[in-house]
N, C-alpha and C. Protein backbone atom coordinates (compact mmCIF):
# COMPACT_ATOMS: atom_id res chain seq x y z
N MET A 1 5.79 -17.39 8.99
CA MET A 1 4.46 -17.08 9.48
C MET A 1 4.58 -16.34 10.80
N LEU A 2 3.88 -15.21 10.90
CA LEU A 2 3.87 -14.46 12.14
C LEU A 2 3.10 -15.23 13.21
N GLU A 3 3.67 -15.27 14.40
CA GLU A 3 2.98 -15.91 15.51
C GLU A 3 1.76 -15.08 15.87
N PRO A 4 0.69 -15.73 16.37
CA PRO A 4 -0.53 -14.99 16.71
C PRO A 4 -0.30 -13.83 17.68
N ASP A 5 0.62 -13.97 18.63
CA ASP A 5 0.84 -12.88 19.59
C ASP A 5 1.52 -11.67 18.94
N ARG A 6 2.18 -11.85 17.79
CA ARG A 6 2.76 -10.71 17.06
C ARG A 6 1.78 -10.16 16.03
N LEU A 7 0.88 -11.02 15.53
CA LEU A 7 -0.07 -10.62 14.50
C LEU A 7 -1.25 -9.83 15.09
N ARG A 8 -1.74 -10.23 16.24
CA ARG A 8 -2.92 -9.58 16.86
C ARG A 8 -2.76 -8.07 17.03
N PRO A 9 -1.64 -7.57 17.56
CA PRO A 9 -1.52 -6.10 17.71
C PRO A 9 -1.46 -5.37 16.37
N LEU A 10 -0.91 -5.99 15.34
CA LEU A 10 -0.87 -5.36 14.02
C LEU A 10 -2.28 -5.23 13.45
N ILE A 11 -3.09 -6.29 13.62
CA ILE A 11 -4.48 -6.24 13.15
C ILE A 11 -5.25 -5.18 13.94
N ALA A 12 -5.07 -5.15 15.25
CA ALA A 12 -5.76 -4.15 16.08
C ALA A 12 -5.41 -2.73 15.66
N ALA A 13 -4.13 -2.47 15.39
CA ALA A 13 -3.71 -1.13 14.96
C ALA A 13 -4.30 -0.78 13.60
N ALA A 14 -4.41 -1.76 12.70
CA ALA A 14 -4.97 -1.50 11.37
C ALA A 14 -6.45 -1.15 11.44
N LYS A 15 -7.16 -1.64 12.46
CA LYS A 15 -8.59 -1.38 12.62
C LYS A 15 -8.87 -0.04 13.30
N ARG A 16 -7.90 0.49 14.07
CA ARG A 16 -8.13 1.67 14.92
C ARG A 16 -8.33 2.96 14.16
N GLY A 17 -7.52 3.20 13.17
CA GLY A 17 -7.57 4.46 12.44
C GLY A 17 -6.46 4.47 11.41
N PRO A 18 -6.34 5.55 10.65
CA PRO A 18 -5.31 5.60 9.61
C PRO A 18 -3.91 5.39 10.18
N LEU A 19 -3.16 4.52 9.53
CA LEU A 19 -1.78 4.27 9.94
C LEU A 19 -0.91 5.51 9.74
N VAL A 20 -1.28 6.33 8.76
CA VAL A 20 -0.58 7.58 8.48
C VAL A 20 -1.64 8.68 8.41
N PRO A 21 -1.96 9.28 9.55
CA PRO A 21 -3.03 10.28 9.56
C PRO A 21 -2.63 11.57 8.86
N ALA A 22 -3.62 12.29 8.39
CA ALA A 22 -3.38 13.61 7.79
C ALA A 22 -2.64 14.48 8.81
N GLY A 23 -1.69 15.25 8.32
CA GLY A 23 -0.92 16.13 9.19
C GLY A 23 0.34 15.51 9.76
N SER A 24 0.54 14.22 9.54
CA SER A 24 1.76 13.60 10.03
C SER A 24 2.81 13.58 8.92
N GLY A 25 4.05 13.45 9.29
CA GLY A 25 5.12 13.30 8.31
C GLY A 25 5.31 14.48 7.39
N ALA A 26 6.03 14.22 6.31
CA ALA A 26 6.33 15.24 5.31
C ALA A 26 5.40 15.10 4.12
N THR A 27 4.82 16.22 3.70
CA THR A 27 3.98 16.21 2.51
C THR A 27 4.88 16.12 1.28
N VAL A 28 4.57 15.18 0.40
CA VAL A 28 5.32 14.99 -0.84
C VAL A 28 4.32 14.92 -1.99
N SER A 29 4.81 15.01 -3.21
CA SER A 29 3.97 14.87 -4.39
C SER A 29 4.71 13.99 -5.39
N ILE A 30 4.54 12.69 -5.22
CA ILE A 30 5.23 11.73 -6.08
C ILE A 30 4.19 11.06 -6.95
N GLY A 31 4.33 11.24 -8.27
CA GLY A 31 3.38 10.69 -9.23
C GLY A 31 3.91 9.43 -9.89
N ILE A 32 3.34 9.11 -11.03
CA ILE A 32 3.66 7.88 -11.75
C ILE A 32 5.15 7.78 -12.08
N ASP A 33 5.78 8.88 -12.52
CA ASP A 33 7.21 8.81 -12.86
C ASP A 33 8.04 8.38 -11.65
N GLY A 34 7.79 8.98 -10.50
CA GLY A 34 8.51 8.59 -9.29
C GLY A 34 8.20 7.17 -8.86
N LEU A 35 6.92 6.78 -8.97
CA LEU A 35 6.53 5.42 -8.61
C LEU A 35 7.25 4.39 -9.49
N GLN A 36 7.43 4.71 -10.77
CA GLN A 36 8.11 3.77 -11.67
C GLN A 36 9.61 3.68 -11.38
N ARG A 37 10.16 4.65 -10.67
CA ARG A 37 11.55 4.53 -10.22
C ARG A 37 11.63 3.76 -8.91
N LEU A 38 10.52 3.69 -8.17
CA LEU A 38 10.48 2.98 -6.89
C LEU A 38 10.02 1.53 -7.04
N LEU A 39 9.11 1.28 -7.97
CA LEU A 39 8.46 -0.03 -8.08
C LEU A 39 8.72 -0.66 -9.45
N PRO A 40 8.84 -1.99 -9.50
CA PRO A 40 9.02 -2.66 -10.78
C PRO A 40 7.71 -2.84 -11.56
N HIS A 41 6.57 -2.50 -10.99
CA HIS A 41 5.27 -2.69 -11.61
C HIS A 41 5.00 -1.65 -12.69
N ARG A 42 4.24 -2.07 -13.71
CA ARG A 42 3.81 -1.18 -14.78
C ARG A 42 2.35 -1.45 -15.08
N ALA A 43 1.72 -0.52 -15.80
CA ALA A 43 0.31 -0.69 -16.16
C ALA A 43 0.14 -2.01 -16.92
N PRO A 44 -0.92 -2.72 -16.68
CA PRO A 44 -2.06 -2.37 -15.85
C PRO A 44 -1.90 -2.80 -14.38
N MET A 45 -0.71 -3.26 -13.99
CA MET A 45 -0.53 -3.76 -12.63
C MET A 45 0.11 -2.75 -11.67
N LEU A 46 0.37 -1.54 -12.10
CA LEU A 46 0.79 -0.49 -11.17
C LEU A 46 -0.49 0.07 -10.57
N LEU A 47 -0.74 -0.23 -9.30
CA LEU A 47 -2.03 0.05 -8.68
C LEU A 47 -2.00 1.19 -7.67
N VAL A 48 -1.00 2.04 -7.75
CA VAL A 48 -0.90 3.24 -6.94
C VAL A 48 -0.73 4.41 -7.90
N ASP A 49 -1.49 5.49 -7.69
CA ASP A 49 -1.39 6.66 -8.57
C ASP A 49 -0.40 7.70 -8.07
N GLY A 50 -0.19 7.76 -6.76
CA GLY A 50 0.72 8.76 -6.22
C GLY A 50 0.94 8.57 -4.73
N ILE A 51 1.96 9.27 -4.23
CA ILE A 51 2.30 9.27 -2.81
C ILE A 51 2.19 10.69 -2.30
N ASP A 52 1.52 10.86 -1.15
CA ASP A 52 1.23 12.17 -0.59
C ASP A 52 2.03 12.50 0.67
N ILE A 53 2.29 11.48 1.49
CA ILE A 53 2.96 11.70 2.78
C ILE A 53 3.99 10.61 3.01
N VAL A 54 5.16 11.02 3.48
CA VAL A 54 6.19 10.09 3.96
C VAL A 54 6.46 10.48 5.40
N ASP A 55 6.25 9.54 6.31
CA ASP A 55 6.46 9.79 7.74
C ASP A 55 7.61 8.92 8.23
N LEU A 56 8.81 9.49 8.24
CA LEU A 56 9.99 8.74 8.63
C LEU A 56 9.96 8.37 10.11
N GLU A 57 9.34 9.23 10.92
CA GLU A 57 9.29 8.97 12.36
C GLU A 57 8.49 7.70 12.69
N SER A 58 7.33 7.53 12.06
CA SER A 58 6.51 6.35 12.33
C SER A 58 6.79 5.20 11.36
N GLY A 59 7.61 5.46 10.34
CA GLY A 59 7.89 4.43 9.34
C GLY A 59 6.71 4.17 8.43
N GLY A 60 5.99 5.25 8.06
CA GLY A 60 4.79 5.10 7.25
C GLY A 60 4.80 5.93 5.99
N VAL A 61 3.86 5.58 5.10
CA VAL A 61 3.69 6.29 3.84
C VAL A 61 2.20 6.29 3.50
N ARG A 62 1.73 7.38 2.87
CA ARG A 62 0.34 7.47 2.45
C ARG A 62 0.29 7.83 0.98
N GLY A 63 -0.58 7.13 0.24
CA GLY A 63 -0.74 7.36 -1.19
C GLY A 63 -2.20 7.32 -1.58
N HIS A 64 -2.45 7.29 -2.89
CA HIS A 64 -3.83 7.31 -3.36
C HIS A 64 -3.97 6.58 -4.69
N ARG A 65 -5.23 6.25 -4.98
CA ARG A 65 -5.58 5.63 -6.26
C ARG A 65 -7.03 5.96 -6.56
N LEU A 66 -7.28 6.37 -7.79
CA LEU A 66 -8.64 6.57 -8.28
C LEU A 66 -9.05 5.29 -9.01
N LEU A 67 -10.13 4.68 -8.57
CA LEU A 67 -10.62 3.47 -9.22
C LEU A 67 -11.45 3.87 -10.43
N ARG A 68 -10.94 3.54 -11.61
CA ARG A 68 -11.60 3.89 -12.86
C ARG A 68 -12.48 2.73 -13.33
N ALA A 69 -13.53 3.03 -14.04
CA ALA A 69 -14.45 1.98 -14.52
C ALA A 69 -13.74 0.95 -15.38
N ASP A 70 -12.68 1.36 -16.08
CA ASP A 70 -11.96 0.40 -16.94
C ASP A 70 -10.78 -0.27 -16.23
N ASP A 71 -10.66 -0.10 -14.91
CA ASP A 71 -9.58 -0.74 -14.15
C ASP A 71 -9.66 -2.26 -14.24
N LEU A 72 -8.49 -2.85 -14.16
CA LEU A 72 -8.35 -4.30 -14.11
C LEU A 72 -9.28 -4.86 -13.04
N GLY A 73 -10.10 -5.82 -13.41
CA GLY A 73 -10.94 -6.50 -12.43
C GLY A 73 -12.40 -6.12 -12.47
N PHE A 74 -12.73 -4.86 -12.80
CA PHE A 74 -14.13 -4.46 -12.75
C PHE A 74 -15.00 -5.14 -13.81
N ALA A 75 -14.45 -5.39 -15.00
CA ALA A 75 -15.25 -5.95 -16.09
C ALA A 75 -15.89 -7.29 -15.71
N GLY A 76 -15.18 -8.11 -14.97
CA GLY A 76 -15.73 -9.41 -14.62
C GLY A 76 -16.06 -9.59 -13.16
N HIS A 77 -15.97 -8.52 -12.37
CA HIS A 77 -16.15 -8.65 -10.91
C HIS A 77 -17.02 -7.52 -10.39
N PHE A 78 -18.13 -7.38 -10.57
CA PHE A 78 -19.14 -8.17 -11.26
C PHE A 78 -19.82 -7.24 -12.24
N PRO A 79 -20.09 -7.67 -13.48
CA PRO A 79 -20.55 -6.75 -14.53
C PRO A 79 -21.77 -5.92 -14.15
N ALA A 80 -22.74 -6.50 -13.47
CA ALA A 80 -23.96 -5.76 -13.13
C ALA A 80 -23.78 -4.85 -11.91
N ALA A 81 -22.83 -5.19 -11.04
CA ALA A 81 -22.58 -4.39 -9.83
C ALA A 81 -21.09 -4.49 -9.51
N PRO A 82 -20.25 -3.71 -10.23
CA PRO A 82 -18.80 -3.86 -10.09
C PRO A 82 -18.28 -3.53 -8.69
N ILE A 83 -17.45 -4.42 -8.18
CA ILE A 83 -16.77 -4.26 -6.89
C ILE A 83 -15.29 -4.53 -7.15
N TYR A 84 -14.43 -3.65 -6.65
CA TYR A 84 -12.99 -3.83 -6.84
C TYR A 84 -12.54 -5.10 -6.11
N PRO A 85 -11.84 -6.00 -6.81
CA PRO A 85 -11.44 -7.27 -6.21
C PRO A 85 -10.49 -7.09 -5.01
N GLY A 86 -10.75 -7.84 -3.96
CA GLY A 86 -9.93 -7.78 -2.75
C GLY A 86 -8.48 -8.08 -3.01
N VAL A 87 -8.21 -9.02 -3.90
CA VAL A 87 -6.83 -9.38 -4.18
C VAL A 87 -6.07 -8.19 -4.78
N LEU A 88 -6.77 -7.35 -5.56
CA LEU A 88 -6.11 -6.16 -6.12
C LEU A 88 -5.91 -5.09 -5.05
N LEU A 89 -6.81 -5.04 -4.06
CA LEU A 89 -6.59 -4.12 -2.94
C LEU A 89 -5.35 -4.52 -2.15
N VAL A 90 -5.21 -5.82 -1.91
CA VAL A 90 -4.01 -6.30 -1.19
C VAL A 90 -2.76 -5.97 -2.01
N GLU A 91 -2.84 -6.11 -3.31
CA GLU A 91 -1.70 -5.79 -4.18
C GLU A 91 -1.39 -4.29 -4.13
N ALA A 92 -2.41 -3.43 -4.18
CA ALA A 92 -2.18 -1.98 -4.13
C ALA A 92 -1.55 -1.59 -2.80
N ILE A 93 -2.08 -2.14 -1.71
CA ILE A 93 -1.51 -1.88 -0.38
C ILE A 93 -0.06 -2.35 -0.34
N GLY A 94 0.19 -3.53 -0.89
CA GLY A 94 1.56 -4.08 -0.91
C GLY A 94 2.51 -3.24 -1.73
N GLN A 95 2.04 -2.73 -2.87
CA GLN A 95 2.90 -1.88 -3.70
C GLN A 95 3.29 -0.62 -2.94
N LEU A 96 2.33 0.01 -2.30
CA LEU A 96 2.67 1.19 -1.51
C LEU A 96 3.67 0.84 -0.42
N ALA A 97 3.45 -0.30 0.24
CA ALA A 97 4.36 -0.73 1.31
C ALA A 97 5.78 -0.95 0.79
N LEU A 98 5.92 -1.40 -0.44
CA LEU A 98 7.26 -1.60 -1.01
C LEU A 98 8.07 -0.32 -1.04
N THR A 99 7.41 0.82 -1.18
CA THR A 99 8.15 2.09 -1.23
C THR A 99 8.80 2.41 0.11
N LEU A 100 8.33 1.77 1.18
CA LEU A 100 8.91 2.00 2.50
C LEU A 100 10.38 1.60 2.56
N SER A 101 10.76 0.61 1.77
CA SER A 101 12.16 0.18 1.73
C SER A 101 13.05 1.36 1.34
N HIS A 102 12.61 2.15 0.36
CA HIS A 102 13.37 3.31 -0.09
C HIS A 102 13.29 4.45 0.93
N PHE A 103 12.06 4.81 1.31
CA PHE A 103 11.88 5.98 2.17
C PHE A 103 12.42 5.74 3.57
N VAL A 104 11.92 4.73 4.25
CA VAL A 104 12.31 4.48 5.63
C VAL A 104 13.71 3.90 5.70
N GLY A 105 14.00 2.94 4.82
CA GLY A 105 15.34 2.34 4.80
C GLY A 105 16.42 3.35 4.50
N GLY A 106 16.12 4.30 3.61
CA GLY A 106 17.10 5.33 3.23
C GLY A 106 16.99 6.60 4.02
N ARG A 107 16.00 6.68 4.93
CA ARG A 107 15.77 7.89 5.75
C ARG A 107 15.69 9.14 4.85
N ARG A 108 14.83 9.06 3.81
CA ARG A 108 14.70 10.16 2.87
C ARG A 108 13.26 10.26 2.39
N THR A 109 12.90 11.42 1.84
CA THR A 109 11.54 11.64 1.34
C THR A 109 11.52 11.95 -0.16
N ASP A 110 12.68 11.94 -0.80
CA ASP A 110 12.73 12.23 -2.23
C ASP A 110 12.94 10.94 -3.02
N VAL A 111 12.78 11.05 -4.35
CA VAL A 111 13.02 9.93 -5.26
C VAL A 111 14.00 10.43 -6.33
N PRO A 112 15.27 10.06 -6.21
CA PRO A 112 16.27 10.55 -7.18
C PRO A 112 15.93 10.14 -8.62
N ASP A 113 16.32 10.98 -9.56
CA ASP A 113 16.04 10.72 -10.98
C ASP A 113 16.73 9.46 -11.49
N ASP A 114 17.85 9.08 -10.89
CA ASP A 114 18.60 7.92 -11.37
C ASP A 114 18.26 6.63 -10.61
N LEU A 115 17.23 6.66 -9.78
CA LEU A 115 16.85 5.48 -9.00
C LEU A 115 16.22 4.43 -9.92
N ALA A 116 16.56 3.19 -9.70
CA ALA A 116 15.96 2.07 -10.44
C ALA A 116 15.28 1.14 -9.43
N PRO A 117 14.11 0.60 -9.79
CA PRO A 117 13.40 -0.26 -8.84
C PRO A 117 14.19 -1.53 -8.53
N LYS A 118 14.04 -1.98 -7.29
CA LYS A 118 14.67 -3.22 -6.86
C LYS A 118 13.75 -4.38 -7.18
N ALA A 119 14.34 -5.55 -7.37
CA ALA A 119 13.55 -6.76 -7.55
C ALA A 119 12.89 -7.12 -6.22
N VAL A 120 11.64 -7.52 -6.28
CA VAL A 120 10.90 -7.88 -5.07
C VAL A 120 10.16 -9.19 -5.30
N ARG A 121 9.84 -9.83 -4.19
CA ARG A 121 9.08 -11.07 -4.26
C ARG A 121 8.15 -11.14 -3.06
N ALA A 122 6.88 -11.35 -3.33
CA ALA A 122 5.92 -11.53 -2.24
C ALA A 122 6.23 -12.86 -1.55
N ILE A 123 6.22 -12.84 -0.23
CA ILE A 123 6.52 -14.03 0.56
C ILE A 123 5.24 -14.60 1.17
N HIS A 124 4.43 -13.69 1.79
CA HIS A 124 3.29 -14.19 2.55
C HIS A 124 2.30 -13.06 2.82
N VAL A 125 1.03 -13.35 2.70
CA VAL A 125 -0.02 -12.45 3.19
C VAL A 125 -0.45 -13.07 4.52
N HIS A 126 -0.09 -12.41 5.61
CA HIS A 126 -0.37 -12.95 6.95
C HIS A 126 -1.84 -12.75 7.34
N HIS A 127 -2.43 -11.67 6.85
CA HIS A 127 -3.83 -11.39 7.18
C HIS A 127 -4.37 -10.39 6.16
N ALA A 128 -5.62 -10.56 5.78
CA ALA A 128 -6.31 -9.58 4.95
C ALA A 128 -7.77 -9.57 5.34
N SER A 129 -8.35 -8.38 5.46
CA SER A 129 -9.77 -8.22 5.77
C SER A 129 -10.36 -7.19 4.82
N PHE A 130 -11.55 -7.49 4.34
CA PHE A 130 -12.26 -6.62 3.41
C PHE A 130 -13.53 -6.16 4.10
N VAL A 131 -13.56 -4.88 4.47
CA VAL A 131 -14.58 -4.35 5.36
C VAL A 131 -15.71 -3.66 4.60
N ALA A 132 -15.39 -2.97 3.52
CA ALA A 132 -16.40 -2.23 2.75
C ALA A 132 -16.07 -2.33 1.27
N PRO A 133 -17.08 -2.46 0.41
CA PRO A 133 -16.81 -2.57 -1.03
C PRO A 133 -16.34 -1.24 -1.62
N LEU A 134 -15.56 -1.36 -2.68
CA LEU A 134 -15.11 -0.19 -3.44
C LEU A 134 -15.62 -0.33 -4.87
N HIS A 135 -16.01 0.81 -5.46
CA HIS A 135 -16.67 0.82 -6.76
C HIS A 135 -15.95 1.77 -7.72
N PRO A 136 -16.27 1.66 -9.03
CA PRO A 136 -15.70 2.60 -9.98
C PRO A 136 -16.00 4.04 -9.55
N GLY A 137 -14.99 4.89 -9.67
CA GLY A 137 -15.12 6.29 -9.29
C GLY A 137 -14.67 6.59 -7.86
N ASP A 138 -14.47 5.55 -7.06
CA ASP A 138 -14.02 5.78 -5.69
C ASP A 138 -12.56 6.22 -5.67
N GLN A 139 -12.28 7.24 -4.89
CA GLN A 139 -10.90 7.68 -4.62
C GLN A 139 -10.48 6.99 -3.33
N ILE A 140 -9.43 6.18 -3.39
CA ILE A 140 -9.01 5.49 -2.18
C ILE A 140 -7.68 6.07 -1.68
N THR A 141 -7.57 6.11 -0.38
CA THR A 141 -6.34 6.50 0.28
C THR A 141 -5.70 5.23 0.80
N LEU A 142 -4.44 5.05 0.46
CA LEU A 142 -3.68 3.87 0.88
C LEU A 142 -2.68 4.30 1.95
N CYS A 143 -2.56 3.51 3.00
CA CYS A 143 -1.58 3.77 4.05
C CYS A 143 -0.79 2.50 4.29
N ALA A 144 0.48 2.65 4.60
CA ALA A 144 1.32 1.49 4.93
C ALA A 144 2.36 1.91 5.95
N ARG A 145 2.70 0.95 6.80
CA ARG A 145 3.71 1.19 7.83
C ARG A 145 4.53 -0.07 8.03
N VAL A 146 5.82 0.11 8.24
CA VAL A 146 6.72 -1.01 8.50
C VAL A 146 6.38 -1.61 9.87
N ALA A 147 6.23 -2.93 9.90
CA ALA A 147 6.03 -3.63 11.17
C ALA A 147 7.32 -4.32 11.60
N HIS A 148 8.09 -4.77 10.60
CA HIS A 148 9.35 -5.47 10.87
C HIS A 148 10.19 -5.40 9.60
N ASP A 149 11.46 -5.10 9.74
CA ASP A 149 12.34 -5.05 8.57
C ASP A 149 13.68 -5.65 8.94
N ASP A 150 13.88 -6.85 8.46
CA ASP A 150 15.13 -7.56 8.70
C ASP A 150 15.52 -8.20 7.37
N TYR A 151 15.56 -9.50 7.32
CA TYR A 151 15.83 -10.18 6.05
C TYR A 151 14.66 -9.97 5.09
N THR A 152 13.45 -10.00 5.62
CA THR A 152 12.25 -9.68 4.86
C THR A 152 11.59 -8.48 5.54
N MET A 153 10.68 -7.83 4.81
CA MET A 153 9.95 -6.69 5.37
C MET A 153 8.49 -7.10 5.55
N ILE A 154 7.97 -6.88 6.75
CA ILE A 154 6.56 -7.08 7.03
C ILE A 154 5.94 -5.70 7.19
N ALA A 155 4.84 -5.47 6.48
CA ALA A 155 4.17 -4.17 6.53
C ALA A 155 2.68 -4.36 6.77
N THR A 156 2.13 -3.40 7.48
CA THR A 156 0.69 -3.31 7.68
C THR A 156 0.19 -2.23 6.73
N GLY A 157 -0.93 -2.48 6.08
CA GLY A 157 -1.46 -1.50 5.14
C GLY A 157 -2.97 -1.41 5.20
N GLN A 158 -3.49 -0.30 4.70
CA GLN A 158 -4.93 -0.04 4.70
C GLN A 158 -5.35 0.61 3.39
N ALA A 159 -6.64 0.43 3.06
CA ALA A 159 -7.29 1.15 1.96
C ALA A 159 -8.52 1.82 2.55
N TRP A 160 -8.63 3.14 2.37
CA TRP A 160 -9.73 3.94 2.90
C TRP A 160 -10.50 4.60 1.76
N ARG A 161 -11.81 4.69 1.91
CA ARG A 161 -12.66 5.52 1.04
C ARG A 161 -13.21 6.59 1.96
N GLY A 162 -12.65 7.80 1.88
CA GLY A 162 -13.02 8.85 2.81
C GLY A 162 -12.67 8.42 4.23
N ASP A 163 -13.64 8.44 5.11
CA ASP A 163 -13.44 8.03 6.50
C ASP A 163 -13.76 6.56 6.74
N THR A 164 -14.04 5.82 5.67
CA THR A 164 -14.43 4.41 5.80
C THR A 164 -13.24 3.50 5.48
N LEU A 165 -12.89 2.67 6.43
CA LEU A 165 -11.85 1.66 6.19
C LEU A 165 -12.45 0.58 5.30
N ALA A 166 -11.88 0.39 4.12
CA ALA A 166 -12.40 -0.60 3.17
C ALA A 166 -11.67 -1.93 3.29
N ALA A 167 -10.37 -1.90 3.57
CA ALA A 167 -9.59 -3.14 3.66
C ALA A 167 -8.30 -2.87 4.42
N PHE A 168 -7.75 -3.94 4.99
CA PHE A 168 -6.42 -3.86 5.58
C PHE A 168 -5.73 -5.20 5.43
N ALA A 169 -4.40 -5.16 5.42
CA ALA A 169 -3.63 -6.38 5.21
C ALA A 169 -2.29 -6.28 5.90
N ILE A 170 -1.77 -7.42 6.28
CA ILE A 170 -0.40 -7.54 6.79
C ILE A 170 0.29 -8.52 5.86
N SER A 171 1.34 -8.04 5.20
CA SER A 171 2.02 -8.87 4.22
C SER A 171 3.53 -8.79 4.37
N GLU A 172 4.21 -9.74 3.74
CA GLU A 172 5.66 -9.87 3.87
C GLU A 172 6.28 -9.99 2.49
N VAL A 173 7.36 -9.26 2.27
CA VAL A 173 8.07 -9.29 0.98
C VAL A 173 9.57 -9.43 1.20
N LEU A 174 10.22 -9.91 0.18
CA LEU A 174 11.67 -9.95 0.12
C LEU A 174 12.09 -8.90 -0.90
N VAL A 175 12.89 -7.94 -0.47
CA VAL A 175 13.42 -6.92 -1.36
C VAL A 175 14.86 -7.27 -1.66
N ASP A 176 15.17 -7.45 -2.94
CA ASP A 176 16.53 -7.84 -3.34
C ASP A 176 17.43 -6.63 -3.26
N GLU A 177 18.23 -6.58 -2.21
CA GLU A 177 19.15 -5.45 -2.01
C GLU A 177 20.38 -5.69 -2.85
């Protein structure tokens, strides 16, 4: 568990603005094929559509996801007024953050054709806040940045709809090296 004095600045940074602003880092175009070499997740639980920016200097990555009406969660949450479930936003943010192990850990912006995903295990969600609802048809921008990487990796992440911060989370994972 992160101590409050270490958690507070991460939460403050997540509220300030995009963790990976437009114009930072290297522009990349990594789609589903590349994501499947980086992540062990598959449909319907692969919740990132692509990666747009890798910023090795700040230890960040930016990606995107289009929320489709038939996405996991919308049918029952809530049928008359669908809202994307917060737990799936935390999962999408976490999935993007997992790619940081490859990009930042390897100091690279490419995804080799022979790369295989590493086994991962969620350890802890230290904080999650849901600021604005997301609906079918929304295009979300996901941002993640490494906060700490030792035995486990702690990452701060965000979900944006345009200029509106919809959610942010600080989570911890174990990546099986």
